Amino acid sequence: MRVSKYSKPASDVLGFKQDFFTKDQELHKENLRLAHIYGSQPRRDLCKNCGFKLDTPFFIKHDIEYYLCSRCTHLNGAHEDTDSYVEQVYLRPESDYAKYYRSVEKQEYVDRVKKVYSPKVDFLLECLLADGRYLTRNIFARKLIFC
């Protein structure tokens, strides 16, 4: 079974992405800082998804190698997600990783869910149903319930 879908309409998400244009230099600097922290972690030898030995780098971005697992096709970064990495990136108050994803106004959050996240859930449901899996969707809680 193969289901192909390439993108949401740009008009639906462009409003949420204005920071990528207005804060480009700041975001790029932060991305390099995170890549440096990640690159200082121990190397990953096995696929994080299936445990298969990683082989040849698929591509390199910001001096970080990425591997496409030849068994399950999971894309793996070359380094481990250690407790130290998680603490430095997600838990320190000065890093405030979530600031790039939070919405200021409730309506902005509702719009983001409707235009960005719900289409992803709908596509996942479409794929699972096409694969013969029976499930229902709890629309109010926005959760998948497998039956």
N, C-alpha and C. Protein backbone atom coordinates (compact mmCIF):
# COMPACT_ATOMS: atom_id res chain seq x y z
N MET A 1 0.84 -1.17 0.00
CA MET A 1 0.00 0.00 0.00
C MET A 1 0.89 1.24 0.00
N ARG A 2 0.58 2.17 -0.86
CA ARG A 2 1.34 3.41 -0.91
C ARG A 2 0.36 4.58 -1.05
N VAL A 3 0.47 5.53 -0.14
CA VAL A 3 -0.34 6.72 -0.18
C VAL A 3 0.61 7.90 -0.32
N SER A 4 0.38 8.76 -1.29
CA SER A 4 1.25 9.92 -1.50
C SER A 4 0.47 11.20 -1.29
N LYS A 5 1.08 12.09 -0.56
CA LYS A 5 0.52 13.42 -0.35
C LYS A 5 1.71 14.30 -0.03
N TYR A 6 1.79 15.44 -0.66
CA TYR A 6 3.04 16.17 -0.59
C TYR A 6 3.02 17.39 0.31
N SER A 7 1.91 18.07 0.47
CA SER A 7 1.96 19.29 1.26
C SER A 7 0.57 19.81 1.56
N LYS A 8 0.53 20.64 2.59
CA LYS A 8 -0.67 21.42 2.87
C LYS A 8 -0.60 22.67 2.00
N PRO A 9 -1.72 23.34 1.75
CA PRO A 9 -1.65 24.59 1.00
C PRO A 9 -0.77 25.60 1.73
N ALA A 10 0.11 26.26 1.02
CA ALA A 10 1.04 27.22 1.63
C ALA A 10 0.28 28.33 2.34
N SER A 11 -0.85 28.72 1.80
CA SER A 11 -1.61 29.79 2.43
C SER A 11 -2.08 29.42 3.84
N ASP A 12 -2.27 28.12 4.10
CA ASP A 12 -2.72 27.68 5.42
C ASP A 12 -1.63 27.79 6.49
N VAL A 13 -0.39 27.70 6.10
CA VAL A 13 0.69 27.68 7.10
C VAL A 13 1.60 28.89 7.05
N LEU A 14 1.55 29.68 5.99
CA LEU A 14 2.48 30.80 5.84
C LEU A 14 2.39 31.79 7.00
N GLY A 15 1.20 32.06 7.48
CA GLY A 15 1.04 32.99 8.59
C GLY A 15 1.73 32.53 9.85
N PHE A 16 1.83 31.21 10.06
CA PHE A 16 2.48 30.69 11.24
C PHE A 16 4.00 30.70 11.11
N LYS A 17 4.50 30.89 9.91
CA LYS A 17 5.92 30.78 9.64
C LYS A 17 6.62 32.12 9.45
N GLN A 18 5.96 33.23 9.76
CA GLN A 18 6.56 34.54 9.54
C GLN A 18 7.87 34.71 10.30
N ASP A 19 7.99 34.11 11.48
CA ASP A 19 9.24 34.20 12.24
C ASP A 19 10.42 33.65 11.47
N PHE A 20 10.17 32.68 10.61
CA PHE A 20 11.27 32.12 9.82
C PHE A 20 11.86 33.17 8.89
N PHE A 21 11.07 34.15 8.52
CA PHE A 21 11.55 35.21 7.64
C PHE A 21 12.11 36.38 8.44
N THR A 22 11.39 36.80 9.48
CA THR A 22 11.79 37.99 10.22
C THR A 22 12.92 37.73 11.21
N LYS A 23 13.09 36.48 11.64
CA LYS A 23 14.12 36.14 12.62
C LYS A 23 15.12 35.13 12.06
N ASP A 24 15.35 35.18 10.77
CA ASP A 24 16.19 34.19 10.11
C ASP A 24 17.57 34.06 10.75
N GLN A 25 18.26 35.17 10.97
CA GLN A 25 19.62 35.12 11.52
C GLN A 25 19.62 34.56 12.94
N GLU A 26 18.66 34.97 13.76
CA GLU A 26 18.56 34.48 15.13
C GLU A 26 18.30 32.97 15.15
N LEU A 27 17.38 32.52 14.31
CA LEU A 27 17.05 31.10 14.25
C LEU A 27 18.23 30.28 13.73
N HIS A 28 18.96 30.81 12.75
CA HIS A 28 20.12 30.11 12.20
C HIS A 28 21.20 29.96 13.28
N LYS A 29 21.44 31.02 14.02
CA LYS A 29 22.44 30.98 15.10
C LYS A 29 22.05 29.95 16.16
N GLU A 30 20.75 29.92 16.52
CA GLU A 30 20.28 28.95 17.50
C GLU A 30 20.41 27.52 16.95
N ASN A 31 20.13 27.33 15.68
CA ASN A 31 20.25 26.01 15.07
C ASN A 31 21.70 25.53 15.11
N LEU A 32 22.63 26.41 14.85
CA LEU A 32 24.05 26.04 14.92
C LEU A 32 24.47 25.69 16.35
N ARG A 33 23.93 26.42 17.33
CA ARG A 33 24.23 26.12 18.74
C ARG A 33 23.72 24.73 19.11
N LEU A 34 22.49 24.42 18.69
CA LEU A 34 21.93 23.10 18.97
C LEU A 34 22.71 22.00 18.26
N ALA A 35 23.13 22.26 17.02
CA ALA A 35 23.93 21.27 16.28
C ALA A 35 25.25 21.01 16.99
N HIS A 36 25.85 22.04 17.55
CA HIS A 36 27.11 21.88 18.28
C HIS A 36 26.91 20.99 19.52
N ILE A 37 25.83 21.25 20.26
CA ILE A 37 25.53 20.43 21.44
C ILE A 37 25.29 18.98 21.01
N TYR A 38 24.48 18.79 19.99
CA TYR A 38 24.18 17.44 19.50
C TYR A 38 25.45 16.74 19.01
N GLY A 39 26.28 17.46 18.28
CA GLY A 39 27.51 16.88 17.74
C GLY A 39 28.53 16.50 18.79
N SER A 40 28.37 17.00 20.00
CA SER A 40 29.31 16.65 21.08
C SER A 40 28.87 15.39 21.83
N GLN A 41 27.74 14.82 21.47
CA GLN A 41 27.24 13.60 22.13
C GLN A 41 27.90 12.37 21.52
N PRO A 42 27.86 11.22 22.23
CA PRO A 42 28.45 9.99 21.68
C PRO A 42 27.81 9.59 20.35
N ARG A 43 28.58 8.92 19.52
CA ARG A 43 28.10 8.46 18.21
C ARG A 43 27.02 7.40 18.38
N ARG A 44 26.10 7.39 17.43
CA ARG A 44 25.06 6.37 17.36
C ARG A 44 25.50 5.35 16.31
N ASP A 45 25.53 4.09 16.68
CA ASP A 45 25.93 3.04 15.74
C ASP A 45 24.74 2.26 15.19
N LEU A 46 23.64 2.26 15.96
CA LEU A 46 22.48 1.45 15.59
C LEU A 46 21.27 2.34 15.39
N CYS A 47 20.40 1.92 14.49
CA CYS A 47 19.17 2.66 14.21
C CYS A 47 18.36 2.82 15.49
N LYS A 48 17.92 4.02 15.75
CA LYS A 48 17.13 4.30 16.94
C LYS A 48 15.78 3.59 16.89
N ASN A 49 15.29 3.31 15.70
CA ASN A 49 13.98 2.70 15.52
C ASN A 49 14.03 1.17 15.60
N CYS A 50 14.95 0.54 14.87
CA CYS A 50 14.92 -0.93 14.79
C CYS A 50 16.20 -1.61 15.28
N GLY A 51 17.24 -0.85 15.63
CA GLY A 51 18.46 -1.43 16.15
C GLY A 51 19.42 -1.98 15.12
N PHE A 52 19.15 -1.78 13.84
CA PHE A 52 20.03 -2.27 12.77
C PHE A 52 21.27 -1.39 12.67
N LYS A 53 22.39 -1.99 12.29
CA LYS A 53 23.65 -1.25 12.18
C LYS A 53 23.55 -0.18 11.10
N LEU A 54 23.95 1.05 11.45
CA LEU A 54 23.93 2.15 10.50
C LEU A 54 25.17 2.07 9.63
N ASP A 55 25.01 2.41 8.36
CA ASP A 55 26.05 2.16 7.37
C ASP A 55 26.74 3.42 6.88
N THR A 56 26.21 4.00 5.83
CA THR A 56 26.83 5.13 5.15
C THR A 56 25.97 6.39 5.36
N PRO A 57 26.59 7.52 5.65
CA PRO A 57 25.80 8.74 5.82
C PRO A 57 24.96 9.04 4.57
N PHE A 58 23.73 9.46 4.80
CA PHE A 58 22.80 9.80 3.73
C PHE A 58 23.00 11.25 3.31
N PHE A 59 23.19 12.13 4.29
CA PHE A 59 23.54 13.53 4.03
C PHE A 59 24.17 14.13 5.28
N ILE A 60 24.73 15.31 5.13
CA ILE A 60 25.36 16.04 6.23
C ILE A 60 24.76 17.44 6.28
N LYS A 61 24.37 17.87 7.46
CA LYS A 61 23.83 19.22 7.65
C LYS A 61 24.44 19.81 8.91
N HIS A 62 25.01 20.99 8.80
CA HIS A 62 25.68 21.66 9.92
C HIS A 62 26.69 20.73 10.60
N ASP A 63 27.47 20.06 9.78
CA ASP A 63 28.52 19.14 10.24
C ASP A 63 27.99 17.91 10.97
N ILE A 64 26.71 17.63 10.88
CA ILE A 64 26.11 16.45 11.49
C ILE A 64 25.75 15.47 10.38
N GLU A 65 26.22 14.24 10.51
CA GLU A 65 25.86 13.20 9.54
C GLU A 65 24.50 12.62 9.91
N TYR A 66 23.73 12.30 8.88
CA TYR A 66 22.44 11.64 9.05
C TYR A 66 22.44 10.36 8.24
N TYR A 67 21.88 9.31 8.83
CA TYR A 67 21.87 7.98 8.22
C TYR A 67 20.45 7.53 7.96
N LEU A 68 20.24 6.96 6.80
CA LEU A 68 18.96 6.35 6.47
C LEU A 68 19.12 4.85 6.71
N CYS A 69 18.39 4.33 7.66
CA CYS A 69 18.52 2.91 8.00
C CYS A 69 18.14 2.05 6.78
N SER A 70 19.03 1.13 6.43
CA SER A 70 18.77 0.28 5.26
C SER A 70 17.72 -0.79 5.55
N ARG A 71 17.36 -1.00 6.79
CA ARG A 71 16.31 -1.97 7.11
C ARG A 71 14.93 -1.31 7.18
N CYS A 72 14.79 -0.23 7.97
CA CYS A 72 13.45 0.34 8.20
C CYS A 72 13.27 1.74 7.61
N THR A 73 14.30 2.30 7.03
CA THR A 73 14.34 3.63 6.40
C THR A 73 14.16 4.79 7.38
N HIS A 74 14.34 4.54 8.67
CA HIS A 74 14.29 5.62 9.65
C HIS A 74 15.50 6.53 9.46
N LEU A 75 15.29 7.83 9.51
CA LEU A 75 16.38 8.79 9.40
C LEU A 75 16.96 9.02 10.79
N ASN A 76 18.25 8.71 10.95
CA ASN A 76 18.93 8.80 12.24
C ASN A 76 20.01 9.87 12.20
N GLY A 77 20.07 10.68 13.25
CA GLY A 77 21.23 11.55 13.43
C GLY A 77 22.39 10.70 13.90
N ALA A 78 23.61 11.18 13.68
CA ALA A 78 24.81 10.40 13.98
C ALA A 78 25.14 10.31 15.46
N HIS A 79 24.38 11.00 16.30
CA HIS A 79 24.71 11.04 17.72
C HIS A 79 23.52 10.64 18.58
N GLU A 80 23.82 10.23 19.80
CA GLU A 80 22.79 9.78 20.73
C GLU A 80 22.06 10.98 21.35
N ASP A 81 20.81 10.76 21.69
CA ASP A 81 20.02 11.76 22.43
C ASP A 81 20.23 11.47 23.92
N THR A 82 21.34 11.93 24.45
CA THR A 82 21.69 11.64 25.84
C THR A 82 20.88 12.51 26.80
N ASP A 83 20.92 12.14 28.07
CA ASP A 83 20.27 12.96 29.09
C ASP A 83 20.88 14.37 29.11
N SER A 84 22.19 14.44 28.91
CA SER A 84 22.86 15.74 28.87
C SER A 84 22.33 16.60 27.72
N TYR A 85 22.15 15.99 26.57
CA TYR A 85 21.61 16.70 25.40
C TYR A 85 20.21 17.23 25.70
N VAL A 86 19.35 16.36 26.23
CA VAL A 86 17.98 16.75 26.53
C VAL A 86 17.97 17.89 27.54
N GLU A 87 18.81 17.80 28.56
CA GLU A 87 18.86 18.86 29.57
C GLU A 87 19.29 20.19 28.95
N GLN A 88 20.34 20.16 28.14
CA GLN A 88 20.85 21.40 27.55
C GLN A 88 19.88 22.03 26.55
N VAL A 89 19.20 21.21 25.80
CA VAL A 89 18.33 21.73 24.74
C VAL A 89 16.93 22.04 25.23
N TYR A 90 16.36 21.18 26.05
CA TYR A 90 14.95 21.31 26.38
C TYR A 90 14.66 21.80 27.81
N LEU A 91 15.56 21.54 28.75
CA LEU A 91 15.22 21.77 30.16
C LEU A 91 15.80 23.03 30.78
N ARG A 92 16.82 23.59 30.22
CA ARG A 92 17.40 24.80 30.80
C ARG A 92 16.52 26.00 30.46
N PRO A 93 16.20 26.81 31.46
CA PRO A 93 15.32 27.96 31.21
C PRO A 93 15.84 28.89 30.12
N GLU A 94 17.15 29.07 30.04
CA GLU A 94 17.68 30.00 29.04
C GLU A 94 17.55 29.46 27.62
N SER A 95 17.38 28.16 27.45
CA SER A 95 17.24 27.65 26.09
C SER A 95 15.82 27.87 25.57
N ASP A 96 14.80 27.73 26.41
CA ASP A 96 13.41 28.02 26.05
C ASP A 96 13.06 27.52 24.65
N TYR A 97 13.35 26.26 24.39
CA TYR A 97 13.12 25.64 23.08
C TYR A 97 11.68 25.82 22.61
N ALA A 98 10.74 25.75 23.53
CA ALA A 98 9.32 25.80 23.17
C ALA A 98 8.88 27.15 22.62
N LYS A 99 9.68 28.20 22.81
CA LYS A 99 9.26 29.52 22.34
C LYS A 99 9.03 29.55 20.84
N TYR A 100 9.67 28.64 20.10
CA TYR A 100 9.50 28.62 18.65
C TYR A 100 8.21 27.93 18.23
N TYR A 101 7.53 27.30 19.18
CA TYR A 101 6.33 26.55 18.85
C TYR A 101 5.08 27.05 19.57
N ARG A 102 5.24 27.92 20.53
CA ARG A 102 4.07 28.34 21.29
C ARG A 102 3.32 29.44 20.57
N SER A 103 2.05 29.52 20.87
CA SER A 103 1.20 30.56 20.30
C SER A 103 0.84 31.54 21.41
N VAL A 104 0.80 32.80 21.07
CA VAL A 104 0.51 33.83 22.05
C VAL A 104 -0.97 33.85 22.38
N GLU A 105 -1.80 33.80 21.38
CA GLU A 105 -3.24 33.90 21.57
C GLU A 105 -3.89 32.53 21.39
N LYS A 106 -4.99 32.32 22.12
CA LYS A 106 -5.69 31.05 22.02
C LYS A 106 -6.16 30.79 20.59
N GLN A 107 -6.68 31.81 19.92
CA GLN A 107 -7.17 31.63 18.55
C GLN A 107 -6.04 31.23 17.62
N GLU A 108 -4.84 31.78 17.85
CA GLU A 108 -3.68 31.41 17.03
C GLU A 108 -3.37 29.93 17.20
N TYR A 109 -3.48 29.44 18.44
CA TYR A 109 -3.26 28.02 18.71
C TYR A 109 -4.32 27.17 18.00
N VAL A 110 -5.58 27.58 18.11
CA VAL A 110 -6.68 26.85 17.47
C VAL A 110 -6.46 26.80 15.96
N ASP A 111 -6.07 27.92 15.38
CA ASP A 111 -5.80 27.97 13.94
C ASP A 111 -4.64 27.07 13.55
N ARG A 112 -3.58 27.05 14.37
CA ARG A 112 -2.42 26.19 14.09
C ARG A 112 -2.84 24.72 14.11
N VAL A 113 -3.64 24.34 15.10
CA VAL A 113 -4.11 22.95 15.19
C VAL A 113 -4.92 22.61 13.94
N LYS A 114 -5.82 23.51 13.56
CA LYS A 114 -6.70 23.26 12.41
C LYS A 114 -5.93 23.17 11.09
N LYS A 115 -4.98 24.06 10.89
CA LYS A 115 -4.32 24.16 9.59
C LYS A 115 -3.01 23.39 9.48
N VAL A 116 -2.37 23.08 10.61
CA VAL A 116 -1.07 22.41 10.55
C VAL A 116 -1.16 20.98 11.08
N TYR A 117 -1.65 20.82 12.31
CA TYR A 117 -1.59 19.50 12.95
C TYR A 117 -2.73 18.56 12.54
N SER A 118 -3.95 19.09 12.42
CA SER A 118 -5.07 18.22 12.03
C SER A 118 -4.86 17.59 10.66
N PRO A 119 -4.34 18.31 9.65
CA PRO A 119 -4.07 17.64 8.37
C PRO A 119 -3.08 16.48 8.49
N LYS A 120 -2.13 16.60 9.42
CA LYS A 120 -1.18 15.49 9.63
C LYS A 120 -1.90 14.28 10.23
N VAL A 121 -2.78 14.54 11.20
CA VAL A 121 -3.55 13.45 11.80
C VAL A 121 -4.46 12.82 10.76
N ASP A 122 -5.11 13.64 9.96
CA ASP A 122 -6.00 13.13 8.92
C ASP A 122 -5.24 12.25 7.93
N PHE A 123 -4.03 12.67 7.56
CA PHE A 123 -3.23 11.87 6.63
C PHE A 123 -2.82 10.54 7.26
N LEU A 124 -2.44 10.58 8.55
CA LEU A 124 -2.10 9.34 9.25
C LEU A 124 -3.30 8.40 9.27
N LEU A 125 -4.47 8.93 9.60
CA LEU A 125 -5.68 8.11 9.60
C LEU A 125 -5.94 7.50 8.22
N GLU A 126 -5.81 8.33 7.19
CA GLU A 126 -6.02 7.86 5.82
C GLU A 126 -5.08 6.69 5.50
N CYS A 127 -3.83 6.81 5.90
CA CYS A 127 -2.85 5.75 5.63
C CYS A 127 -3.17 4.48 6.41
N LEU A 128 -3.53 4.64 7.68
CA LEU A 128 -3.85 3.47 8.50
C LEU A 128 -5.11 2.77 7.99
N LEU A 129 -6.11 3.53 7.61
CA LEU A 129 -7.33 2.94 7.06
C LEU A 129 -7.04 2.24 5.74
N ALA A 130 -6.21 2.85 4.89
CA ALA A 130 -5.84 2.24 3.61
C ALA A 130 -5.06 0.95 3.83
N ASP A 131 -4.39 0.86 4.98
CA ASP A 131 -3.63 -0.34 5.32
C ASP A 131 -4.50 -1.40 6.00
N GLY A 132 -5.81 -1.12 6.11
CA GLY A 132 -6.73 -2.09 6.67
C GLY A 132 -6.86 -2.06 8.18
N ARG A 133 -6.40 -0.99 8.81
CA ARG A 133 -6.51 -0.90 10.28
C ARG A 133 -7.81 -0.19 10.62
N TYR A 134 -8.49 -0.73 11.62
CA TYR A 134 -9.75 -0.13 12.06
C TYR A 134 -9.46 0.75 13.27
N LEU A 135 -9.88 2.00 13.21
CA LEU A 135 -9.71 2.90 14.33
C LEU A 135 -10.74 4.00 14.26
N THR A 136 -10.91 4.68 15.35
CA THR A 136 -11.82 5.81 15.39
C THR A 136 -11.05 7.03 15.88
N ARG A 137 -11.65 8.17 15.71
CA ARG A 137 -10.98 9.40 16.12
C ARG A 137 -11.85 10.15 17.12
N ASN A 138 -11.28 10.45 18.26
CA ASN A 138 -11.96 11.26 19.25
C ASN A 138 -11.68 12.71 18.91
N ILE A 139 -12.63 13.37 18.27
CA ILE A 139 -12.42 14.71 17.74
C ILE A 139 -12.20 15.73 18.85
N PHE A 140 -12.83 15.56 19.98
CA PHE A 140 -12.71 16.56 21.03
C PHE A 140 -11.34 16.51 21.69
N ALA A 141 -10.82 15.36 21.95
CA ALA A 141 -9.51 15.24 22.60
C ALA A 141 -8.37 15.23 21.59
N ARG A 142 -8.68 15.12 20.29
CA ARG A 142 -7.68 15.09 19.22
C ARG A 142 -6.71 13.92 19.42
N LYS A 143 -7.24 12.78 19.85
CA LYS A 143 -6.40 11.61 20.05
C LYS A 143 -6.86 10.51 19.12
N LEU A 144 -5.93 9.63 18.79
CA LEU A 144 -6.28 8.44 18.04
C LEU A 144 -6.61 7.33 19.03
N ILE A 145 -7.70 6.65 18.78
CA ILE A 145 -8.08 5.53 19.63
C ILE A 145 -8.11 4.29 18.74
N PHE A 146 -7.21 3.36 19.01
CA PHE A 146 -7.16 2.14 18.22
C PHE A 146 -8.12 1.12 18.80
N CYS A 147 -8.94 0.55 17.93
CA CYS A 147 -9.95 -0.42 18.37
C CYS A 147 -9.52 -1.83 18.04
